[in-house]
Amino acid sequence: MATHAHDVVIVGGGNGGIAAAAQLRRKGASDVALVDPALMHVYKPLQNYVGTGLAAPSTLTKPQADVMPDGVTWYRSAARRIDGGTRRIELADGTELRAADLVIACGAVTDWDAIPGAAAALDSGHACTTFERDRLEDTWDWIRSVTSGRAVFTLHEQPASGRETALKPLFLACDHWRRRGVLKDIDVRLLHDGDALHPVAEIDAEIHRHLEAYGIELTLGARVDGIDGGTVTVDVQGRREEVETDLLHLLPPYKAPDLIPASGLDGPGTGGFAAVDPLTLRHPDHPRVWCIGDAADIGDARTGGALRHQVQTVVANIAHRRAGRPLTHYDGYTVAPITTSRRSLSFGEYDSRTHEVRRTTGILDNIRSRPWWYALDRYVLPRIYWHGILKGRV
């Protein structure tokens, strides 16, 4: 077994992992290693645009080698087990790594098994989703083929990929049907297992404004218990209902990657996700293990905007801990980009802990859906991602 020691090892090569590696290198870290077997890097926020016909599939990905920061040692294998106390990482290919500081950024795992029949429905063409890259073009084909009947979209509480993004395909599909003149012939329903769509009152009100404008029927407290072909079994606050669908779009549940509980990095009440101090982003039992992104139990902050702030916090805290300085705190920032039509978007920024609205853009109202927020999300942010965030500049 080959053993290699590095100053900082990052497990996970997605948004957070690459950005953290790039920022560490820019701040002078000379020995950074990254562990991830993926050969392609995906900018996931564009998937909803590809799945609704507003972006080309080619805009989603770049080779992982092209986004790997210069000077970072890349181990193209999966992490199989981590010893948090000694910061030893065992890789699937037998390699062992040792880290002075370890950053966990391995994301979450789509768990279709949490919805009985979901995987079979997706494979058989009875359900679609914009949350898997290989299903996007089929999703768009299905949306534009529907001219009447019932369309059902599902939403659920955490753990999930930024819940607001699940509303993008709903509103974009309705916008498409309205422009074609068929929306009046389609019964559109949104099923959500929570008691409210959003914890921020202003954002919740803006969502409801567009639900009403499109004539979408919202059912709260509706848990999807099973899918059989085009039939969805729903538990609505204890009442069983079977819903026949002509289009079914699913938001996938998340689960923690096996690596986290197998390594004992989870904790009581984390559901298998990595335990973490929500302020410093440090593991409570291992002072040189840091956790960011979807793999961490940070609460309602599974968005790219939140991750950017988390990366900045961890990069600063690695240096602060070594210098004996007080650790900085993650400010709870997250963002709710909700596309309400092919030309308008609500860019609601908020604190994921206090649920207070944040406005980093000054006096501009970021809750009301506007064309400039759409332009930011669809055209500007992808460029910032590829050329700024992944380069450690933002």
Protein backbone atom coordinates (compact mmCIF):
# COMPACT_ATOMS: atom_id res chain seq x y z
CA MET A 1 0.00 0.00 0.00
CA ALA A 2 1.42 3.38 -1.04
CA THR A 3 1.26 6.11 1.62
CA HIS A 4 1.50 9.82 0.88
CA ALA A 5 1.42 12.77 3.28
CA HIS A 6 0.07 16.21 2.36
CA ASP A 7 -0.46 19.50 4.17
CA VAL A 8 -4.16 19.72 3.21
CA VAL A 9 -6.25 16.92 1.72
CA ILE A 10 -9.69 17.66 0.28
CA VAL A 11 -12.15 14.79 -0.22
CA GLY A 12 -14.51 15.71 -3.05
CA GLY A 13 -13.92 17.47 -6.35
CA GLY A 14 -17.20 19.29 -6.88
CA ASN A 15 -17.90 22.99 -6.43
CA GLY A 16 -16.65 23.17 -2.84
CA GLY A 17 -13.63 20.91 -3.22
CA ILE A 18 -12.20 22.59 -6.31
CA ALA A 19 -12.92 26.09 -4.97
CA ALA A 20 -11.28 25.29 -1.63
CA ALA A 21 -8.21 23.86 -3.35
CA ALA A 22 -7.91 26.91 -5.58
CA GLN A 23 -8.28 29.36 -2.69
CA LEU A 24 -5.73 27.49 -0.58
CA ARG A 25 -3.23 27.59 -3.43
CA ARG A 26 -3.83 31.30 -3.98
CA LYS A 27 -3.19 31.93 -0.28
CA GLY A 28 0.14 30.16 -0.39
CA ALA A 29 -0.60 26.55 0.53
CA SER A 30 2.12 24.60 -1.29
CA ASP A 31 0.95 21.03 -0.70
CA VAL A 32 -2.74 20.50 -1.42
CA ALA A 33 -4.19 17.16 -2.54
CA LEU A 34 -7.69 16.41 -3.80
CA VAL A 35 -9.47 13.04 -3.87
CA ASP A 36 -12.20 12.41 -6.46
CA PRO A 37 -12.61 9.79 -9.21
CA ALA A 38 -14.87 11.92 -11.45
CA LEU A 39 -13.46 12.73 -14.88
CA MET A 40 -16.09 15.39 -15.69
CA HIS A 41 -17.05 18.46 -13.67
CA VAL A 42 -20.71 19.53 -13.71
CA TYR A 43 -22.15 23.00 -13.10
CA LYS A 44 -25.39 21.71 -11.62
CA PRO A 45 -27.45 24.95 -11.52
CA LEU A 46 -27.70 24.85 -15.32
CA GLN A 47 -29.39 21.44 -15.30
CA ASN A 48 -32.82 22.99 -14.80
CA TYR A 49 -32.25 25.20 -17.85
CA VAL A 50 -31.09 22.26 -19.98
CA GLY A 51 -34.05 20.17 -18.81
CA THR A 52 -36.48 22.90 -19.87
CA GLY A 53 -34.90 23.71 -23.23
CA LEU A 54 -33.16 26.96 -22.26
CA ALA A 55 -29.54 25.79 -22.35
CA ALA A 56 -27.51 23.29 -24.35
CA PRO A 57 -26.20 20.13 -22.64
CA SER A 58 -22.69 21.09 -23.68
CA THR A 59 -22.77 24.08 -21.29
CA LEU A 60 -22.99 21.83 -18.23
CA THR A 61 -19.62 20.14 -18.09
CA LYS A 62 -15.88 20.46 -18.49
CA PRO A 63 -13.19 17.80 -18.03
CA GLN A 64 -12.15 17.63 -14.40
CA ALA A 65 -8.53 17.96 -15.48
CA ASP A 66 -9.33 21.37 -16.98
CA VAL A 67 -10.68 22.78 -13.70
CA MET A 68 -8.13 21.22 -11.34
CA PRO A 69 -6.07 24.09 -9.84
CA ASP A 70 -2.42 24.22 -10.79
CA GLY A 71 -0.14 22.57 -8.27
CA VAL A 72 -2.84 20.40 -6.68
CA THR A 73 -2.13 16.67 -6.46
CA TRP A 74 -5.16 14.82 -7.81
CA TYR A 75 -5.92 11.28 -6.63
CA ARG A 76 -8.38 9.82 -9.14
CA SER A 77 -9.91 7.33 -6.74
CA ALA A 78 -12.75 7.32 -4.22
CA ALA A 79 -12.19 7.72 -0.50
CA ARG A 80 -13.29 4.52 1.23
CA ARG A 81 -12.64 5.30 4.89
CA ILE A 82 -11.35 8.21 6.97
CA ASP A 83 -9.80 8.17 10.42
CA GLY A 84 -10.72 11.58 11.77
CA GLY A 85 -8.31 11.38 14.72
CA THR A 86 -5.20 10.70 12.65
CA ARG A 87 -6.56 12.23 9.43
CA ARG A 88 -5.75 9.13 7.43
CA ILE A 89 -7.72 8.55 4.24
CA GLU A 90 -7.93 5.08 2.69
CA LEU A 91 -8.68 5.15 -1.03
CA ALA A 92 -10.45 2.49 -3.08
CA ASP A 93 -7.29 1.78 -5.07
CA GLY A 94 -5.35 0.93 -1.88
CA THR A 95 -3.55 4.24 -1.53
CA GLU A 96 -3.37 5.78 1.94
CA LEU A 97 -3.15 9.53 2.47
CA ARG A 98 -2.27 11.48 5.59
CA ALA A 99 -3.29 15.08 6.08
CA ALA A 100 -2.31 17.85 8.45
CA ASP A 101 -5.73 19.34 7.77
CA LEU A 102 -8.61 17.50 6.12
CA VAL A 103 -11.58 19.08 4.31
CA ILE A 104 -14.67 16.94 3.74
CA ALA A 105 -16.50 18.16 0.60
CA CYS A 106 -17.84 14.93 -0.87
CA GLY A 107 -21.45 16.06 -1.36
CA ALA A 108 -24.60 14.02 -0.88
CA VAL A 109 -26.03 11.02 -2.73
CA THR A 110 -29.30 10.84 -4.65
CA ASP A 111 -31.54 8.30 -2.90
CA TRP A 112 -34.35 7.24 -5.25
CA ASP A 113 -34.94 4.17 -3.07
CA ALA A 114 -36.49 6.50 -0.48
CA ILE A 115 -39.51 6.76 -2.81
CA PRO A 116 -40.78 3.24 -3.64
CA GLY A 117 -41.09 2.83 -7.39
CA ALA A 118 -39.28 6.07 -8.28
CA ALA A 119 -36.23 4.47 -9.88
CA ALA A 120 -38.40 2.12 -11.96
CA ALA A 121 -40.66 4.99 -13.03
CA LEU A 122 -37.67 7.02 -14.19
CA ASP A 123 -36.18 4.10 -16.09
CA SER A 124 -39.49 3.22 -17.74
CA GLY A 125 -40.28 6.80 -18.77
CA HIS A 126 -43.17 7.29 -16.33
CA ALA A 127 -41.29 10.01 -14.41
CA CYS A 128 -38.69 12.63 -15.20
CA THR A 129 -36.29 14.91 -13.37
CA THR A 130 -33.94 17.80 -14.03
CA PHE A 131 -31.67 16.62 -11.22
CA GLU A 132 -29.84 13.90 -13.19
CA ARG A 133 -27.68 14.92 -16.12
CA ASP A 134 -28.45 11.90 -18.29
CA ARG A 135 -32.23 12.51 -18.08
CA LEU A 136 -32.34 16.18 -19.02
CA GLU A 137 -33.08 15.92 -22.73
CA ASP A 138 -35.81 13.32 -22.10
CA THR A 139 -37.34 15.68 -19.53
CA TRP A 140 -37.48 18.53 -22.03
CA ASP A 141 -38.94 16.24 -24.71
CA TRP A 142 -41.67 15.22 -22.28
CA ILE A 143 -42.48 18.77 -21.15
CA ARG A 144 -42.91 20.05 -24.70
CA SER A 145 -44.98 17.01 -25.73
CA VAL A 146 -47.65 17.63 -23.07
CA THR A 147 -50.67 19.59 -24.30
CA SER A 148 -53.34 18.41 -21.85
CA GLY A 149 -53.89 16.20 -18.81
CA ARG A 150 -52.30 16.36 -15.37
CA ALA A 151 -48.72 17.39 -14.58
CA VAL A 152 -47.42 16.72 -11.07
CA PHE A 153 -44.23 18.12 -9.57
CA THR A 154 -42.88 17.02 -6.19
CA LEU A 155 -41.04 18.95 -3.53
CA HIS A 156 -39.88 17.87 -0.10
CA GLU A 157 -38.04 19.08 2.95
CA GLN A 158 -34.34 18.59 3.65
CA PRO A 159 -32.16 16.76 2.93
CA ALA A 160 -32.44 17.87 -0.69
CA SER A 161 -30.63 19.93 -3.26
CA GLY A 162 -31.57 23.57 -2.61
CA ARG A 163 -35.31 23.24 -2.37
CA GLU A 164 -35.88 26.45 -4.33
CA THR A 165 -34.29 24.99 -7.46
CA ALA A 166 -37.05 22.36 -7.58
CA LEU A 167 -39.47 25.16 -8.41
CA LYS A 168 -37.51 26.15 -11.53
CA PRO A 169 -38.72 23.26 -13.73
CA LEU A 170 -42.28 23.76 -12.44
CA PHE A 171 -42.48 27.43 -13.40
CA LEU A 172 -40.47 27.04 -16.62
CA ALA A 173 -42.74 24.21 -17.78
CA CYS A 174 -45.82 26.31 -17.01
CA ASP A 175 -44.31 29.27 -18.84
CA HIS A 176 -43.70 27.05 -21.88
CA TRP A 177 -47.28 25.72 -21.79
CA ARG A 178 -48.69 29.21 -21.38
CA ARG A 179 -46.75 30.51 -24.36
CA ARG A 180 -48.04 27.58 -26.45
CA GLY A 181 -51.60 28.29 -25.32
CA VAL A 182 -52.13 24.88 -23.65
CA LEU A 183 -51.69 25.71 -19.96
CA LYS A 184 -55.46 26.06 -19.55
CA ASP A 185 -55.82 22.41 -20.60
CA ILE A 186 -53.26 21.09 -18.10
CA ASP A 187 -54.04 20.44 -14.44
CA VAL A 188 -50.73 21.34 -12.74
CA ARG A 189 -50.16 20.22 -9.16
CA LEU A 190 -47.30 20.76 -6.74
CA LEU A 191 -46.99 18.22 -3.91
CA HIS A 192 -44.89 19.24 -0.92
CA ASP A 193 -44.49 17.25 2.27
CA GLY A 194 -43.81 20.32 4.42
CA ASP A 195 -46.17 22.70 6.19
CA ALA A 196 -44.98 25.71 4.16
CA LEU A 197 -43.13 26.17 0.90
CA HIS A 198 -40.42 28.39 2.32
CA PRO A 199 -39.33 29.48 5.82
CA VAL A 200 -38.72 33.09 4.69
CA ALA A 201 -42.09 34.85 4.58
CA GLU A 202 -41.16 37.23 1.76
CA ILE A 203 -39.86 34.41 -0.46
CA ASP A 204 -42.87 32.24 0.39
CA ALA A 205 -45.22 35.05 -0.66
CA GLU A 206 -43.39 35.52 -3.96
CA ILE A 207 -43.63 31.78 -4.72
CA HIS A 208 -47.38 31.82 -3.99
CA ARG A 209 -47.82 34.82 -6.28
CA HIS A 210 -46.52 32.81 -9.23
CA LEU A 211 -48.37 29.63 -8.26
CA GLU A 212 -51.61 31.62 -8.44
CA ALA A 213 -50.64 33.32 -11.70
CA TYR A 214 -50.11 29.95 -13.38
CA GLY A 215 -53.12 28.31 -11.72
CA ILE A 216 -51.00 25.67 -9.99
CA GLU A 217 -52.74 23.67 -7.27
CA LEU A 218 -50.53 23.37 -4.17
CA THR A 219 -50.97 20.52 -1.69
CA LEU A 220 -48.97 20.86 1.53
CA GLY A 221 -48.32 17.99 3.90
CA ALA A 222 -48.31 15.63 0.90
CA ARG A 223 -45.76 12.83 1.14
CA VAL A 224 -45.18 10.63 -1.91
CA ASP A 225 -45.37 7.04 -0.64
CA GLY A 226 -44.99 5.19 -3.93
CA ILE A 227 -45.07 5.32 -7.70
CA ASP A 228 -46.53 2.66 -9.97
CA GLY A 229 -46.26 3.61 -13.62
CA GLY A 230 -48.05 6.94 -13.97
CA THR A 231 -49.90 6.57 -10.66
CA VAL A 232 -48.56 8.36 -7.58
CA THR A 233 -49.66 7.29 -4.11
CA VAL A 234 -49.67 10.27 -1.76
CA ASP A 235 -50.22 10.52 1.97
CA VAL A 236 -51.91 13.88 2.57
CA GLN A 237 -51.80 14.39 6.34
CA GLY A 238 -52.84 10.80 6.97
CA ARG A 239 -55.25 10.52 4.05
CA ARG A 240 -54.25 8.22 1.18
CA GLU A 241 -54.73 9.53 -2.35
CA GLU A 242 -53.86 8.05 -5.73
CA VAL A 243 -53.01 10.61 -8.40
CA GLU A 244 -52.92 9.73 -12.09
CA THR A 245 -50.31 11.71 -14.02
CA ASP A 246 -49.51 12.56 -17.62
CA LEU A 247 -46.23 14.13 -16.52
CA LEU A 248 -44.45 13.48 -13.25
CA HIS A 249 -41.36 15.47 -12.26
CA LEU A 250 -39.50 14.30 -9.16
CA LEU A 251 -37.14 16.05 -6.76
CA PRO A 252 -34.79 13.33 -5.51
CA PRO A 253 -34.26 12.79 -1.80
CA TYR A 254 -30.67 13.02 -0.56
CA LYS A 255 -28.78 10.73 1.77
CA ALA A 256 -25.31 10.95 3.23
CA PRO A 257 -22.50 9.21 1.35
CA ASP A 258 -21.58 5.91 3.01
CA LEU A 259 -18.09 7.29 3.63
CA ILE A 260 -19.33 9.58 6.43
CA PRO A 261 -21.04 7.10 8.79
CA ALA A 262 -18.57 4.35 7.88
CA SER A 263 -15.82 6.65 9.15
CA GLY A 264 -17.69 7.68 12.29
CA LEU A 265 -17.79 11.32 11.17
CA ASP A 266 -21.54 11.66 11.64
CA GLY A 267 -23.19 12.36 14.96
CA PRO A 268 -26.45 12.05 16.89
CA GLY A 269 -29.29 13.51 14.87
CA THR A 270 -27.25 14.20 11.72
CA GLY A 271 -28.92 11.44 9.69
CA GLY A 272 -25.53 10.09 8.61
CA PHE A 273 -24.24 13.47 7.43
CA ALA A 274 -21.00 14.85 8.81
CA ALA A 275 -21.22 16.46 12.24
CA VAL A 276 -19.94 20.02 12.20
CA ASP A 277 -19.87 23.19 14.24
CA PRO A 278 -22.28 25.33 12.17
CA LEU A 279 -20.23 28.46 12.87
CA THR A 280 -16.62 27.39 12.42
CA LEU A 281 -17.40 24.40 10.13
CA ARG A 282 -15.01 22.29 12.17
CA HIS A 283 -15.84 18.73 13.19
CA PRO A 284 -16.76 18.71 16.90
CA ASP A 285 -14.47 15.77 17.72
CA HIS A 286 -11.58 16.41 15.34
CA PRO A 287 -10.19 19.98 15.40
CA ARG A 288 -8.32 19.62 12.10
CA VAL A 289 -11.20 18.11 10.14
CA TRP A 290 -13.45 20.61 8.34
CA CYS A 291 -16.79 19.93 6.65
CA ILE A 292 -18.58 21.93 3.92
CA GLY A 293 -21.41 21.54 1.45
CA ASP A 294 -24.10 18.91 1.05
CA ALA A 295 -22.22 16.24 3.05
CA ALA A 296 -22.28 18.39 6.18
CA ASP A 297 -25.14 18.73 8.65
CA ILE A 298 -25.35 22.52 8.42
CA GLY A 299 -29.11 22.79 8.02
CA ASP A 300 -30.98 24.57 5.25
CA ALA A 301 -27.90 25.70 3.32
CA ARG A 302 -27.47 23.27 0.45
CA THR A 303 -26.92 25.84 -2.30
CA GLY A 304 -23.97 27.00 -4.34
CA GLY A 305 -24.21 30.47 -2.82
CA ALA A 306 -24.01 29.03 0.68
CA LEU A 307 -21.09 26.83 -0.32
CA ARG A 308 -19.08 29.82 -1.55
CA HIS A 309 -19.29 31.39 1.90
CA GLN A 310 -18.49 28.08 3.59
CA VAL A 311 -15.35 27.61 1.47
CA GLN A 312 -14.13 31.08 2.42
CA THR A 313 -14.76 30.32 6.10
CA VAL A 314 -12.85 27.01 6.09
CA VAL A 315 -9.89 28.36 4.11
CA ALA A 316 -9.60 31.25 6.57
CA ASN A 317 -10.00 28.97 9.60
CA ILE A 318 -7.28 26.54 8.56
CA ALA A 319 -4.85 29.46 8.57
CA HIS A 320 -6.31 31.00 11.74
CA ARG A 321 -6.06 27.77 13.73
CA ARG A 322 -2.43 27.32 12.73
CA ALA A 323 -1.62 30.89 13.73
CA GLY A 324 -3.46 30.60 17.04
CA ARG A 325 -5.99 33.24 16.03
CA PRO A 326 -9.75 33.14 16.75
CA LEU A 327 -11.74 31.23 14.14
CA THR A 328 -14.06 33.08 11.81
CA HIS A 329 -17.74 32.16 11.52
CA TYR A 330 -19.84 31.07 8.55
CA ASP A 331 -22.51 33.74 8.32
CA GLY A 332 -25.38 31.42 7.37
CA TYR A 333 -25.75 32.95 3.92
CA THR A 334 -27.71 31.08 1.28
CA VAL A 335 -29.66 32.05 -1.81
CA ALA A 336 -32.94 30.98 -3.39
CA PRO A 337 -32.78 31.51 -7.18
CA ILE A 338 -36.26 30.69 -8.48
CA THR A 339 -36.84 31.05 -12.21
CA THR A 340 -40.47 32.11 -12.63
CA SER A 341 -40.43 32.33 -16.44
CA ARG A 342 -37.93 32.13 -19.29
CA ARG A 343 -37.14 35.82 -18.72
CA SER A 344 -37.56 36.43 -14.99
CA LEU A 345 -36.17 35.12 -11.71
CA SER A 346 -36.41 35.76 -7.97
CA PHE A 347 -32.94 35.87 -6.39
CA GLY A 348 -33.88 35.73 -2.73
CA GLU A 349 -30.82 35.81 -0.46
CA TYR A 350 -31.32 34.96 3.20
CA ASP A 351 -29.74 33.71 6.40
CA SER A 352 -30.36 29.97 6.62
CA ARG A 353 -30.46 30.13 10.42
CA THR A 354 -32.52 33.21 11.23
CA HIS A 355 -34.47 33.16 7.92
CA GLU A 356 -33.93 36.88 7.56
CA VAL A 357 -33.64 38.39 4.08
CA ARG A 358 -30.13 39.37 3.01
CA ARG A 359 -29.30 41.86 0.27
CA THR A 360 -25.69 41.75 -0.89
CA THR A 361 -26.68 43.75 -3.96
CA GLY A 362 -27.53 46.91 -2.04
CA ILE A 363 -30.90 48.58 -2.51
CA LEU A 364 -32.16 46.30 -5.30
CA ASP A 365 -35.14 44.15 -4.34
CA ASN A 366 -33.92 40.58 -4.80
CA ILE A 367 -37.21 38.91 -3.84
CA ARG A 368 -39.45 40.25 -6.59
CA SER A 369 -38.88 38.28 -9.81
CA ARG A 370 -37.08 40.46 -12.38
CA PRO A 371 -35.42 40.00 -15.78
CA TRP A 372 -32.01 41.13 -14.51
CA TRP A 373 -31.94 38.38 -11.88
CA TYR A 374 -32.69 35.88 -14.65
CA ALA A 375 -29.78 37.23 -16.70
CA LEU A 376 -27.52 36.96 -13.65
CA ASP A 377 -28.48 33.36 -12.91
CA ARG A 378 -28.59 32.08 -16.48
CA TYR A 379 -25.66 33.90 -18.10
CA VAL A 380 -23.44 35.70 -15.59
CA LEU A 381 -23.14 33.18 -12.75
CA PRO A 382 -22.00 30.30 -15.01
CA ARG A 383 -19.10 32.46 -16.20
CA ILE A 384 -18.30 33.48 -12.63
CA TYR A 385 -18.36 29.80 -11.67
CA TRP A 386 -15.98 28.54 -14.35
CA HIS A 387 -13.64 31.54 -14.37
CA GLY A 388 -13.91 32.88 -10.84
CA ILE A 389 -15.12 30.42 -8.19
CA LEU A 390 -13.21 27.41 -9.49
CA LYS A 391 -10.12 29.57 -9.89
CA GLY A 392 -10.27 30.73 -6.27
CA ARG A 393 -10.88 34.33 -7.24
CA VAL A 394 -14.38 34.68 -5.78
